[in-house]
Amino acid sequence: MTITLSGLFLLAAIGLGVWFKKDASFRKREFFAVSVFWILVVATPWGAEGVAKVQEIIGTGVQTASQTVNSVSSK
């Protein structure tokens, strides 16, 4: 399973939304600043390399977990 860049970005956006919604001192200006920061981090070449590394780690973890579940369920 490979998570696309859009999927990873959507996951981060949902996480930020939930976090700011639960925060009593939420300010729209802070949400905007954090969102712009993450967009810039992902849009730079260094950010893209980081995202590729995260995708690789998550994909490997999911693949290992599914192989373990398949192995245990087949016994």
Protein backbone atom coordinates (compact mmCIF):
# COMPACT_ATOMS: atom_id res chain seq x y z
CA MET A 1 0.00 0.00 0.00
CA THR A 2 1.40 3.36 -0.99
CA ILE A 3 0.01 6.61 0.36
CA THR A 4 0.02 9.33 -2.27
CA LEU A 5 1.25 12.84 -1.57
CA SER A 6 -2.33 14.09 -1.74
CA GLY A 7 -3.45 11.44 0.73
CA LEU A 8 -0.66 12.29 3.14
CA PHE A 9 -1.47 16.00 2.85
CA LEU A 10 -5.16 15.29 3.43
CA LEU A 11 -4.33 13.26 6.53
CA ALA A 12 -2.22 16.14 7.88
CA ALA A 13 -4.98 18.65 7.11
CA ILE A 14 -7.59 16.54 8.90
CA GLY A 15 -5.28 16.16 11.89
CA LEU A 16 -4.69 19.91 12.03
CA GLY A 17 -8.41 20.58 11.73
CA VAL A 18 -9.28 18.24 14.60
CA TRP A 19 -6.47 19.61 16.74
CA PHE A 20 -7.50 23.24 16.23
CA LYS A 21 -11.19 22.41 16.71
CA LYS A 22 -10.49 20.85 20.13
CA ASP A 23 -8.22 23.73 21.17
CA ALA A 24 -10.16 26.31 23.20
CA SER A 25 -7.80 29.12 22.21
CA PHE A 26 -8.18 28.47 18.47
CA ARG A 27 -7.47 31.43 16.19
CA LYS A 28 -8.02 31.41 12.46
CA ARG A 29 -4.77 33.29 11.97
CA GLU A 30 -2.80 30.48 13.65
CA PHE A 31 -4.52 27.84 11.53
CA PHE A 32 -3.67 29.81 8.39
CA ALA A 33 -0.01 30.19 9.44
CA VAL A 34 0.39 26.48 10.25
CA SER A 35 -1.35 25.46 7.01
CA VAL A 36 0.87 27.72 4.90
CA PHE A 37 3.94 26.35 6.71
CA TRP A 38 2.99 22.73 5.88
CA ILE A 39 2.22 23.62 2.26
CA LEU A 40 5.64 25.25 1.92
CA VAL A 41 7.38 22.31 3.63
CA VAL A 42 5.79 19.80 1.27
CA ALA A 43 6.24 22.03 -1.80
CA THR A 44 10.02 22.42 -1.42
CA PRO A 45 12.47 19.83 -2.76
CA TRP A 46 13.62 18.99 0.79
CA GLY A 47 10.03 18.61 1.90
CA ALA A 48 9.30 16.32 -1.04
CA GLU A 49 12.23 14.10 -0.01
CA GLY A 50 10.90 13.98 3.54
CA VAL A 51 7.43 13.10 2.32
CA ALA A 52 8.87 10.31 0.16
CA LYS A 53 10.68 8.92 3.23
CA VAL A 54 7.47 9.04 5.33
CA GLN A 55 5.56 7.32 2.52
CA GLU A 56 8.20 4.59 2.40
CA ILE A 57 8.11 4.07 6.18
CA ILE A 58 4.31 3.97 6.35
CA GLY A 59 4.05 1.71 3.31
CA THR A 60 6.62 -0.72 4.72
CA GLY A 61 4.83 -0.78 8.09
CA VAL A 62 1.46 -1.47 6.50
CA GLN A 63 2.92 -4.20 4.29
CA THR A 64 4.60 -5.88 7.28
CA ALA A 65 1.40 -5.68 9.33
CA SER A 66 -0.70 -7.24 6.54
CA GLN A 67 1.82 -10.04 6.04
CA THR A 68 1.74 -10.76 9.79
CA VAL A 69 -2.07 -10.81 9.86
CA ASN A 70 -2.17 -13.09 6.81
CA SER A 71 0.42 -15.39 8.34
CA VAL A 72 -1.42 -15.65 11.67
CA SER A 73 -4.86 -16.06 10.08
CA SER A 74 -3.67 -18.86 7.79
CA LYS A 75 -2.58 -21.03 10.72
